[in-house]
Amino acid sequence: MRNQSGFVYVYLAVAIGAVAAITGAYFTGRSAGADAAQAKWLAQHSADLAVANQKLREAYKEKETAQRWHAEESARLSQIHQAQIEVTKNERDRLLARNRSLGVRVRGCRNTGGSNTGEHLPKAGTGAAGSDGGAASVLSTADGDFLIRFAADADRNAKQLAACQALVKADRGL
């Protein structure tokens, strides 16, 4: 009887070994299948990522090109605007100097206040022989300077607005 119990241990050892071999084969096969599926997914993901990266590079190049063009266009328009400002300033200074040296004559009458009904206008009639009508009024130098500066500021603002509009048109591609 003792010999038979040794065989039981042998059979038991063989059975445990067979179960271990089958379990190992199952998990090895399963792992190989998972590795193959993961490798396929990884290859597809890498290809998608490469396409996305290429599109990003192209978008960055387009953005940089647009920014470079915008900076160059802004600089060009700024130079034009600065030149116009200088011309306007020189014109203003020239007119101010002329006003101070000659005085600006304004023909017509002075309105001393009141309503705009015409009651303060001079009576119709002829002036002295050889004249164009009533006596000429002369603006003071300060008033003339004010008007010249006011007109120069208006010109400068109009040119600045035109430069802004040119920038917007250029940016929108109009």
N, C-alpha and C. Protein backbone atom coordinates (compact mmCIF):
# COMPACT_ATOMS: atom_id res chain seq x y z
N MET A 1 0.79 -1.17 0.00
CA MET A 1 0.00 0.00 0.00
C MET A 1 0.85 1.26 0.00
N ARG A 2 1.91 1.13 0.51
CA ARG A 2 2.77 2.26 0.60
C ARG A 2 3.21 2.70 -0.78
N ASN A 3 3.38 1.81 -1.69
CA ASN A 3 3.80 2.18 -3.03
C ASN A 3 2.72 2.95 -3.77
N GLN A 4 1.49 2.62 -3.49
CA GLN A 4 0.42 3.32 -4.18
C GLN A 4 0.32 4.77 -3.73
N SER A 5 0.61 5.07 -2.51
CA SER A 5 0.51 6.45 -2.07
C SER A 5 1.57 7.31 -2.75
N GLY A 6 2.69 6.77 -3.15
CA GLY A 6 3.72 7.51 -3.85
C GLY A 6 3.24 7.91 -5.23
N PHE A 7 2.41 6.95 -5.85
CA PHE A 7 1.87 7.28 -7.17
C PHE A 7 0.85 8.42 -7.10
N VAL A 8 0.14 8.48 -5.99
CA VAL A 8 -0.86 9.54 -5.84
C VAL A 8 -0.15 10.89 -5.83
N TYR A 9 0.97 10.95 -5.15
CA TYR A 9 1.71 12.20 -5.13
C TYR A 9 2.26 12.53 -6.50
N VAL A 10 2.64 11.55 -7.25
CA VAL A 10 3.15 11.76 -8.59
C VAL A 10 2.02 12.27 -9.48
N TYR A 11 0.85 11.60 -9.39
CA TYR A 11 -0.30 12.05 -10.19
C TYR A 11 -0.71 13.47 -9.79
N LEU A 12 -0.68 13.74 -8.53
CA LEU A 12 -1.04 15.07 -8.05
C LEU A 12 -0.04 16.11 -8.55
N ALA A 13 1.22 15.80 -8.54
CA ALA A 13 2.26 16.71 -9.02
C ALA A 13 2.11 16.94 -10.52
N VAL A 14 1.80 15.84 -11.26
CA VAL A 14 1.59 15.98 -12.71
C VAL A 14 0.37 16.84 -12.98
N ALA A 15 -0.71 16.67 -12.24
CA ALA A 15 -1.93 17.44 -12.43
C ALA A 15 -1.69 18.91 -12.12
N ILE A 16 -0.98 19.20 -11.05
CA ILE A 16 -0.68 20.59 -10.70
C ILE A 16 0.21 21.21 -11.77
N GLY A 17 1.17 20.46 -12.27
CA GLY A 17 2.05 20.95 -13.34
C GLY A 17 1.27 21.23 -14.61
N ALA A 18 0.31 20.35 -14.94
CA ALA A 18 -0.50 20.54 -16.14
C ALA A 18 -1.36 21.78 -16.00
N VAL A 19 -1.97 21.98 -14.83
CA VAL A 19 -2.79 23.17 -14.60
C VAL A 19 -1.92 24.42 -14.70
N ALA A 20 -0.73 24.37 -14.15
CA ALA A 20 0.18 25.51 -14.21
C ALA A 20 0.59 25.80 -15.65
N ALA A 21 0.87 24.76 -16.44
CA ALA A 21 1.26 24.94 -17.83
C ALA A 21 0.12 25.52 -18.65
N ILE A 22 -1.09 25.01 -18.43
CA ILE A 22 -2.26 25.52 -19.17
C ILE A 22 -2.53 26.97 -18.78
N THR A 23 -2.45 27.29 -17.49
CA THR A 23 -2.68 28.67 -17.04
C THR A 23 -1.62 29.59 -17.61
N GLY A 24 -0.37 29.19 -17.61
CA GLY A 24 0.72 29.99 -18.17
C GLY A 24 0.53 30.23 -19.66
N ALA A 25 0.12 29.16 -20.38
CA ALA A 25 -0.11 29.30 -21.82
C ALA A 25 -1.27 30.26 -22.09
N TYR A 26 -2.32 30.16 -21.28
CA TYR A 26 -3.49 31.05 -21.45
C TYR A 26 -3.07 32.51 -21.27
N PHE A 27 -2.40 32.79 -20.17
CA PHE A 27 -2.01 34.18 -19.90
C PHE A 27 -0.95 34.69 -20.86
N THR A 28 -0.08 33.82 -21.33
CA THR A 28 0.91 34.22 -22.33
C THR A 28 0.22 34.59 -23.63
N GLY A 29 -0.74 33.78 -24.05
CA GLY A 29 -1.49 34.07 -25.28
C GLY A 29 -2.31 35.33 -25.15
N ARG A 30 -2.92 35.47 -24.00
CA ARG A 30 -3.73 36.66 -23.77
C ARG A 30 -2.85 37.90 -23.78
N SER A 31 -1.70 37.83 -23.17
CA SER A 31 -0.77 38.96 -23.13
C SER A 31 -0.26 39.28 -24.53
N ALA A 32 0.02 38.29 -25.32
CA ALA A 32 0.49 38.51 -26.69
C ALA A 32 -0.58 39.18 -27.52
N GLY A 33 -1.83 38.77 -27.32
CA GLY A 33 -2.94 39.39 -28.05
C GLY A 33 -3.13 40.84 -27.64
N ALA A 34 -3.02 41.10 -26.33
CA ALA A 34 -3.16 42.47 -25.83
C ALA A 34 -2.01 43.32 -26.34
N ASP A 35 -0.81 42.75 -26.36
CA ASP A 35 0.35 43.50 -26.86
C ASP A 35 0.18 43.84 -28.33
N ALA A 36 -0.36 42.92 -29.10
CA ALA A 36 -0.58 43.17 -30.53
C ALA A 36 -1.63 44.26 -30.72
N ALA A 37 -2.71 44.20 -29.94
CA ALA A 37 -3.75 45.22 -30.05
C ALA A 37 -3.21 46.58 -29.62
N GLN A 38 -2.41 46.60 -28.55
CA GLN A 38 -1.84 47.84 -28.08
C GLN A 38 -0.85 48.40 -29.11
N ALA A 39 -0.08 47.56 -29.73
CA ALA A 39 0.87 47.99 -30.75
C ALA A 39 0.13 48.59 -31.95
N LYS A 40 -0.98 47.98 -32.34
CA LYS A 40 -1.78 48.49 -33.46
C LYS A 40 -2.36 49.86 -33.10
N TRP A 41 -2.90 49.98 -31.88
CA TRP A 41 -3.47 51.24 -31.44
C TRP A 41 -2.38 52.31 -31.36
N LEU A 42 -1.23 51.97 -30.85
CA LEU A 42 -0.12 52.90 -30.72
C LEU A 42 0.35 53.38 -32.09
N ALA A 43 0.40 52.48 -33.06
CA ALA A 43 0.80 52.87 -34.41
C ALA A 43 -0.21 53.85 -35.01
N GLN A 44 -1.51 53.58 -34.83
CA GLN A 44 -2.55 54.47 -35.35
C GLN A 44 -2.49 55.83 -34.64
N HIS A 45 -2.32 55.80 -33.33
CA HIS A 45 -2.24 57.04 -32.55
C HIS A 45 -1.02 57.86 -32.97
N SER A 46 0.09 57.21 -33.20
CA SER A 46 1.30 57.91 -33.64
C SER A 46 1.09 58.56 -35.00
N ALA A 47 0.42 57.87 -35.91
CA ALA A 47 0.14 58.43 -37.23
C ALA A 47 -0.78 59.65 -37.11
N ASP A 48 -1.82 59.53 -36.28
CA ASP A 48 -2.73 60.66 -36.07
C ASP A 48 -2.00 61.84 -35.45
N LEU A 49 -1.13 61.55 -34.51
CA LEU A 49 -0.37 62.60 -33.85
C LEU A 49 0.58 63.29 -34.83
N ALA A 50 1.18 62.55 -35.73
CA ALA A 50 2.08 63.13 -36.74
C ALA A 50 1.30 64.06 -37.66
N VAL A 51 0.09 63.67 -38.07
CA VAL A 51 -0.74 64.52 -38.93
C VAL A 51 -1.14 65.79 -38.17
N ALA A 52 -1.53 65.65 -36.90
CA ALA A 52 -1.93 66.82 -36.11
C ALA A 52 -0.75 67.77 -35.92
N ASN A 53 0.42 67.22 -35.67
CA ASN A 53 1.61 68.07 -35.49
C ASN A 53 1.94 68.81 -36.78
N GLN A 54 1.79 68.17 -37.93
CA GLN A 54 2.03 68.83 -39.22
C GLN A 54 1.05 69.98 -39.42
N LYS A 55 -0.22 69.74 -39.09
CA LYS A 55 -1.22 70.81 -39.22
C LYS A 55 -0.90 71.97 -38.28
N LEU A 56 -0.44 71.66 -37.07
CA LEU A 56 -0.06 72.72 -36.13
C LEU A 56 1.12 73.53 -36.66
N ARG A 57 2.12 72.87 -37.22
CA ARG A 57 3.26 73.58 -37.79
C ARG A 57 2.81 74.51 -38.91
N GLU A 58 1.91 74.04 -39.76
CA GLU A 58 1.41 74.87 -40.85
C GLU A 58 0.63 76.06 -40.31
N ALA A 59 -0.19 75.82 -39.28
CA ALA A 59 -0.98 76.92 -38.68
C ALA A 59 -0.05 77.95 -38.05
N TYR A 60 1.00 77.50 -37.37
CA TYR A 60 1.96 78.43 -36.78
C TYR A 60 2.66 79.24 -37.86
N LYS A 61 3.02 78.61 -38.96
CA LYS A 61 3.67 79.35 -40.05
C LYS A 61 2.74 80.41 -40.62
N GLU A 62 1.47 80.05 -40.80
CA GLU A 62 0.49 81.01 -41.31
C GLU A 62 0.32 82.17 -40.34
N LYS A 63 0.26 81.84 -39.04
CA LYS A 63 0.09 82.87 -38.02
C LYS A 63 1.31 83.80 -38.01
N GLU A 64 2.50 83.24 -38.07
CA GLU A 64 3.71 84.06 -38.07
C GLU A 64 3.80 84.92 -39.31
N THR A 65 3.39 84.38 -40.45
CA THR A 65 3.38 85.16 -41.70
C THR A 65 2.40 86.32 -41.57
N ALA A 66 1.21 86.04 -41.05
CA ALA A 66 0.21 87.09 -40.87
C ALA A 66 0.69 88.15 -39.89
N GLN A 67 1.32 87.73 -38.80
CA GLN A 67 1.83 88.69 -37.82
C GLN A 67 2.95 89.54 -38.42
N ARG A 68 3.83 88.91 -39.18
CA ARG A 68 4.93 89.64 -39.81
C ARG A 68 4.37 90.67 -40.80
N TRP A 69 3.39 90.25 -41.62
CA TRP A 69 2.79 91.17 -42.58
C TRP A 69 2.12 92.32 -41.84
N HIS A 70 1.38 92.00 -40.78
CA HIS A 70 0.67 93.03 -40.03
C HIS A 70 1.66 94.02 -39.41
N ALA A 71 2.77 93.52 -38.88
CA ALA A 71 3.77 94.41 -38.29
C ALA A 71 4.40 95.30 -39.36
N GLU A 72 4.70 94.73 -40.53
CA GLU A 72 5.29 95.52 -41.62
C GLU A 72 4.30 96.57 -42.12
N GLU A 73 3.04 96.17 -42.27
CA GLU A 73 2.01 97.11 -42.75
C GLU A 73 1.79 98.22 -41.72
N SER A 74 1.76 97.85 -40.45
CA SER A 74 1.60 98.86 -39.40
C SER A 74 2.77 99.83 -39.40
N ALA A 75 3.98 99.32 -39.57
CA ALA A 75 5.15 100.19 -39.61
C ALA A 75 5.10 101.11 -40.83
N ARG A 76 4.68 100.58 -41.97
CA ARG A 76 4.59 101.39 -43.19
C ARG A 76 3.56 102.51 -43.01
N LEU A 77 2.38 102.15 -42.48
CA LEU A 77 1.33 103.15 -42.27
C LEU A 77 1.75 104.15 -41.20
N SER A 78 2.49 103.70 -40.21
CA SER A 78 2.97 104.61 -39.17
C SER A 78 3.95 105.62 -39.75
N GLN A 79 4.82 105.17 -40.65
CA GLN A 79 5.76 106.10 -41.29
C GLN A 79 5.02 107.15 -42.11
N ILE A 80 4.00 106.68 -42.83
CA ILE A 80 3.19 107.62 -43.63
C ILE A 80 2.52 108.63 -42.70
N HIS A 81 1.95 108.12 -41.61
CA HIS A 81 1.25 109.00 -40.67
C HIS A 81 2.22 109.99 -40.03
N GLN A 82 3.41 109.54 -39.64
CA GLN A 82 4.39 110.44 -39.04
C GLN A 82 4.82 111.52 -40.04
N ALA A 83 4.97 111.14 -41.30
CA ALA A 83 5.32 112.13 -42.33
C ALA A 83 4.21 113.15 -42.48
N GLN A 84 2.95 112.68 -42.44
CA GLN A 84 1.82 113.61 -42.55
C GLN A 84 1.76 114.54 -41.34
N ILE A 85 2.06 114.01 -40.17
CA ILE A 85 2.08 114.85 -38.97
C ILE A 85 3.15 115.94 -39.12
N GLU A 86 4.31 115.57 -39.63
CA GLU A 86 5.40 116.54 -39.81
C GLU A 86 4.99 117.60 -40.83
N VAL A 87 4.34 117.19 -41.92
CA VAL A 87 3.89 118.16 -42.93
C VAL A 87 2.86 119.11 -42.32
N THR A 88 1.93 118.54 -41.56
CA THR A 88 0.90 119.38 -40.92
C THR A 88 1.52 120.35 -39.94
N LYS A 89 2.49 119.88 -39.16
CA LYS A 89 3.17 120.75 -38.18
C LYS A 89 3.92 121.86 -38.90
N ASN A 90 4.62 121.54 -39.96
CA ASN A 90 5.35 122.56 -40.72
C ASN A 90 4.40 123.57 -41.33
N GLU A 91 3.27 123.11 -41.85
CA GLU A 91 2.27 124.01 -42.43
C GLU A 91 1.71 124.95 -41.35
N ARG A 92 1.42 124.37 -40.18
CA ARG A 92 0.91 125.18 -39.07
C ARG A 92 1.93 126.23 -38.67
N ASP A 93 3.19 125.82 -38.51
CA ASP A 93 4.23 126.77 -38.11
C ASP A 93 4.41 127.87 -39.15
N ARG A 94 4.32 127.49 -40.43
CA ARG A 94 4.45 128.48 -41.50
C ARG A 94 3.30 129.48 -41.45
N LEU A 95 2.08 128.98 -41.24
CA LEU A 95 0.92 129.87 -41.16
C LEU A 95 0.97 130.76 -39.92
N LEU A 96 1.45 130.19 -38.81
CA LEU A 96 1.56 131.01 -37.60
C LEU A 96 2.57 132.14 -37.81
N ALA A 97 3.68 131.84 -38.43
CA ALA A 97 4.69 132.87 -38.70
C ALA A 97 4.14 133.93 -39.64
N ARG A 98 3.42 133.49 -40.66
CA ARG A 98 2.82 134.45 -41.61
C ARG A 98 1.79 135.32 -40.92
N ASN A 99 0.99 134.67 -40.04
CA ASN A 99 -0.03 135.43 -39.31
C ASN A 99 0.61 136.49 -38.42
N ARG A 100 1.68 136.14 -37.78
CA ARG A 100 2.34 137.09 -36.88
C ARG A 100 3.00 138.24 -37.65
N SER A 101 3.48 137.94 -38.84
CA SER A 101 4.17 138.99 -39.59
C SER A 101 3.21 139.88 -40.38
N LEU A 102 2.13 139.31 -40.91
CA LEU A 102 1.24 140.08 -41.77
C LEU A 102 -0.09 140.44 -41.12
N GLY A 103 -0.57 139.59 -40.25
CA GLY A 103 -1.92 139.78 -39.73
C GLY A 103 -2.90 139.21 -40.74
N VAL A 104 -4.00 138.72 -40.29
CA VAL A 104 -5.01 138.14 -41.18
C VAL A 104 -6.18 139.11 -41.24
N ARG A 105 -6.54 139.51 -42.43
CA ARG A 105 -7.65 140.44 -42.60
C ARG A 105 -8.92 139.65 -42.92
N VAL A 106 -9.98 140.01 -42.25
CA VAL A 106 -11.27 139.38 -42.48
C VAL A 106 -12.23 140.47 -42.95
N ARG A 107 -12.78 140.27 -44.10
CA ARG A 107 -13.71 141.26 -44.66
C ARG A 107 -15.09 141.02 -44.07
N GLY A 108 -15.83 142.04 -43.86
CA GLY A 108 -17.19 141.90 -43.39
C GLY A 108 -17.38 142.67 -42.11
N CYS A 109 -18.40 142.32 -41.41
CA CYS A 109 -18.73 143.05 -40.20
C CYS A 109 -18.48 142.18 -38.98
N ARG A 110 -18.48 142.82 -37.88
CA ARG A 110 -18.37 142.09 -36.62
C ARG A 110 -19.76 141.93 -36.04
N ASN A 111 -20.05 140.75 -35.60
CA ASN A 111 -21.33 140.52 -34.93
C ASN A 111 -21.09 140.79 -33.45
N THR A 112 -21.82 141.72 -32.90
CA THR A 112 -21.58 142.11 -31.51
C THR A 112 -22.45 141.33 -30.55
N GLY A 113 -23.10 140.31 -31.02
CA GLY A 113 -23.94 139.51 -30.12
C GLY A 113 -25.38 139.62 -30.54
N GLY A 114 -26.25 139.05 -29.77
CA GLY A 114 -27.67 139.10 -30.09
C GLY A 114 -28.06 137.91 -30.91
N SER A 115 -29.24 137.99 -31.48
CA SER A 115 -29.77 136.86 -32.24
C SER A 115 -29.19 136.86 -33.65
N ASN A 116 -29.48 135.82 -34.37
CA ASN A 116 -29.01 135.69 -35.75
C ASN A 116 -30.06 136.19 -36.72
N THR A 117 -30.76 137.25 -36.38
CA THR A 117 -31.82 137.77 -37.26
C THR A 117 -31.29 138.78 -38.25
N GLY A 118 -30.07 139.15 -38.11
CA GLY A 118 -29.50 140.11 -39.05
C GLY A 118 -29.59 141.53 -38.56
N GLU A 119 -30.05 141.76 -37.36
CA GLU A 119 -30.21 143.13 -36.88
C GLU A 119 -28.87 143.83 -36.63
N HIS A 120 -27.80 143.01 -36.47
CA HIS A 120 -26.50 143.63 -36.22
C HIS A 120 -25.67 143.76 -37.48
N LEU A 121 -26.24 143.41 -38.61
CA LEU A 121 -25.52 143.53 -39.86
C LEU A 121 -25.53 144.98 -40.32
N PRO A 122 -24.51 145.39 -41.05
CA PRO A 122 -24.52 146.78 -41.54
C PRO A 122 -25.60 146.96 -42.59
N LYS A 123 -26.03 148.16 -42.71
CA LYS A 123 -27.06 148.48 -43.69
C LYS A 123 -26.48 148.37 -45.09
N ALA A 124 -27.33 147.96 -46.00
CA ALA A 124 -26.89 147.82 -47.38
C ALA A 124 -26.52 149.19 -47.92
N GLY A 125 -25.52 149.25 -48.66
CA GLY A 125 -25.10 150.52 -49.24
C GLY A 125 -23.75 150.33 -49.89
N THR A 126 -23.27 151.35 -50.43
CA THR A 126 -21.97 151.25 -51.08
C THR A 126 -20.91 151.79 -50.15
N GLY A 127 -19.78 151.26 -50.28
CA GLY A 127 -18.67 151.73 -49.46
C GLY A 127 -17.97 152.86 -50.19
N ALA A 128 -16.82 153.19 -49.72
CA ALA A 128 -16.04 154.24 -50.36
C ALA A 128 -15.67 153.80 -51.77
N ALA A 129 -15.45 154.78 -52.62
CA ALA A 129 -15.11 154.46 -54.00
C ALA A 129 -13.84 153.64 -54.04
N GLY A 130 -13.87 152.58 -54.83
CA GLY A 130 -12.68 151.74 -54.98
C GLY A 130 -12.54 150.68 -53.91
N SER A 131 -13.47 150.59 -52.98
CA SER A 131 -13.35 149.56 -51.95
C SER A 131 -14.33 148.43 -52.24
N ASP A 132 -14.18 147.34 -51.53
CA ASP A 132 -15.05 146.18 -51.73
C ASP A 132 -16.26 146.22 -50.83
N GLY A 133 -16.47 147.23 -50.13
CA GLY A 133 -17.63 147.28 -49.24
C GLY A 133 -17.24 147.93 -47.94
N GLY A 134 -17.77 147.37 -46.85
CA GLY A 134 -17.55 147.94 -45.52
C GLY A 134 -16.10 147.83 -45.10
N ALA A 135 -15.82 148.41 -43.97
CA ALA A 135 -14.45 148.43 -43.45
C ALA A 135 -14.01 147.02 -43.10
N ALA A 136 -12.75 146.76 -43.31
CA ALA A 136 -12.21 145.43 -43.03
C ALA A 136 -11.93 145.30 -41.54
N SER A 137 -12.21 144.15 -41.02
CA SER A 137 -11.88 143.86 -39.63
C SER A 137 -10.61 143.04 -39.61
N VAL A 138 -9.83 143.19 -38.58
CA VAL A 138 -8.58 142.46 -38.49
C VAL A 138 -8.63 141.60 -37.23
N LEU A 139 -8.30 140.35 -37.40
CA LEU A 139 -8.21 139.46 -36.24
C LEU A 139 -6.96 139.79 -35.46
N SER A 140 -7.05 139.67 -34.17
CA SER A 140 -5.83 139.85 -33.39
C SER A 140 -4.91 138.67 -33.68
N THR A 141 -3.63 138.87 -33.40
CA THR A 141 -2.66 137.80 -33.64
C THR A 141 -3.01 136.57 -32.82
N ALA A 142 -3.45 136.77 -31.60
CA ALA A 142 -3.81 135.64 -30.73
C ALA A 142 -5.00 134.87 -31.30
N ASP A 143 -6.00 135.62 -31.82
CA ASP A 143 -7.16 134.94 -32.42
C ASP A 143 -6.75 134.18 -33.67
N GLY A 144 -5.92 134.80 -34.48
CA GLY A 144 -5.44 134.13 -35.69
C GLY A 144 -4.64 132.88 -35.35
N ASP A 145 -3.77 133.02 -34.34
CA ASP A 145 -2.99 131.84 -33.90
C ASP A 145 -3.90 130.73 -33.41
N PHE A 146 -4.92 131.11 -32.65
CA PHE A 146 -5.87 130.10 -32.16
C PHE A 146 -6.54 129.37 -33.33
N LEU A 147 -7.01 130.14 -34.30
CA LEU A 147 -7.71 129.53 -35.44
C LEU A 147 -6.76 128.63 -36.25
N ILE A 148 -5.54 129.06 -36.42
CA ILE A 148 -4.57 128.24 -37.17
C ILE A 148 -4.27 126.96 -36.41
N ARG A 149 -4.06 127.07 -35.09
CA ARG A 149 -3.80 125.86 -34.29
C ARG A 149 -5.02 124.93 -34.31
N PHE A 150 -6.20 125.54 -34.22
CA PHE A 150 -7.44 124.74 -34.22
C PHE A 150 -7.57 123.99 -35.54
N ALA A 151 -7.32 124.67 -36.65
CA ALA A 151 -7.40 124.03 -37.97
C ALA A 151 -6.31 122.97 -38.12
N ALA A 152 -5.11 123.24 -37.60
CA ALA A 152 -4.02 122.27 -37.68
C ALA A 152 -4.36 121.02 -36.86
N ASP A 153 -4.97 121.22 -35.69
CA ASP A 153 -5.39 120.07 -34.89
C ASP A 153 -6.46 119.25 -35.62
N ALA A 154 -7.38 119.95 -36.26
CA ALA A 154 -8.41 119.25 -37.02
C ALA A 154 -7.79 118.46 -38.18
N ASP A 155 -6.82 119.07 -38.87
CA ASP A 155 -6.13 118.36 -39.95
C ASP A 155 -5.39 117.15 -39.43
N ARG A 156 -4.70 117.31 -38.29
CA ARG A 156 -3.96 116.20 -37.71
C ARG A 156 -4.91 115.06 -37.31
N ASN A 157 -6.05 115.42 -36.71
CA ASN A 157 -7.02 114.39 -36.33
C ASN A 157 -7.60 113.68 -37.54
N ALA A 158 -7.86 114.44 -38.60
CA ALA A 158 -8.38 113.81 -39.81
C ALA A 158 -7.36 112.86 -40.42
N LYS A 159 -6.08 113.26 -40.41
CA LYS A 159 -5.04 112.37 -40.95
C LYS A 159 -4.85 111.15 -40.07
N GLN A 160 -4.97 111.33 -38.76
CA GLN A 160 -4.84 110.18 -37.85
C GLN A 160 -6.00 109.21 -38.06
N LEU A 161 -7.19 109.74 -38.24
CA LEU A 161 -8.34 108.90 -38.51
C LEU A 161 -8.16 108.16 -39.84
N ALA A 162 -7.66 108.86 -40.85
CA ALA A 162 -7.42 108.22 -42.15
C ALA A 162 -6.38 107.11 -42.01
N ALA A 163 -5.35 107.32 -41.19
CA ALA A 163 -4.33 106.28 -40.98
C ALA A 163 -4.93 105.08 -40.26
N CYS A 164 -5.78 105.33 -39.28
CA CYS A 164 -6.45 104.22 -38.58
C CYS A 164 -7.36 103.44 -39.53
N GLN A 165 -8.08 104.17 -40.37
CA GLN A 165 -8.95 103.49 -41.33
C GLN A 165 -8.13 102.68 -42.32
N ALA A 166 -7.00 103.20 -42.74
CA ALA A 166 -6.14 102.46 -43.67
C ALA A 166 -5.63 101.19 -43.01
N LEU A 167 -5.29 101.26 -41.72
CA LEU A 167 -4.83 100.08 -41.00
C LEU A 167 -5.93 99.03 -40.89
N VAL A 168 -7.14 99.47 -40.59
CA VAL A 168 -8.26 98.54 -40.49
C VAL A 168 -8.56 97.91 -41.84
N LYS A 169 -8.54 98.72 -42.90
CA LYS A 169 -8.77 98.18 -44.25
C LYS A 169 -7.69 97.18 -44.63
N ALA A 170 -6.46 97.49 -44.31
CA ALA A 170 -5.36 96.57 -44.62
C ALA A 170 -5.49 95.28 -43.82
N ASP A 171 -5.90 95.41 -42.57
CA ASP A 171 -6.03 94.22 -41.72
C ASP A 171 -7.16 93.32 -42.20
N ARG A 172 -8.22 93.93 -42.70
CA ARG A 172 -9.36 93.14 -43.18
C ARG A 172 -9.19 92.72 -44.64
N GLY A 173 -8.17 93.23 -45.28
CA GLY A 173 -7.92 92.84 -46.66
C GLY A 173 -8.87 93.51 -47.64
N LEU A 174 -9.33 94.70 -47.32
CA LEU A 174 -10.27 95.41 -48.20
C LEU A 174 -9.54 96.15 -49.28
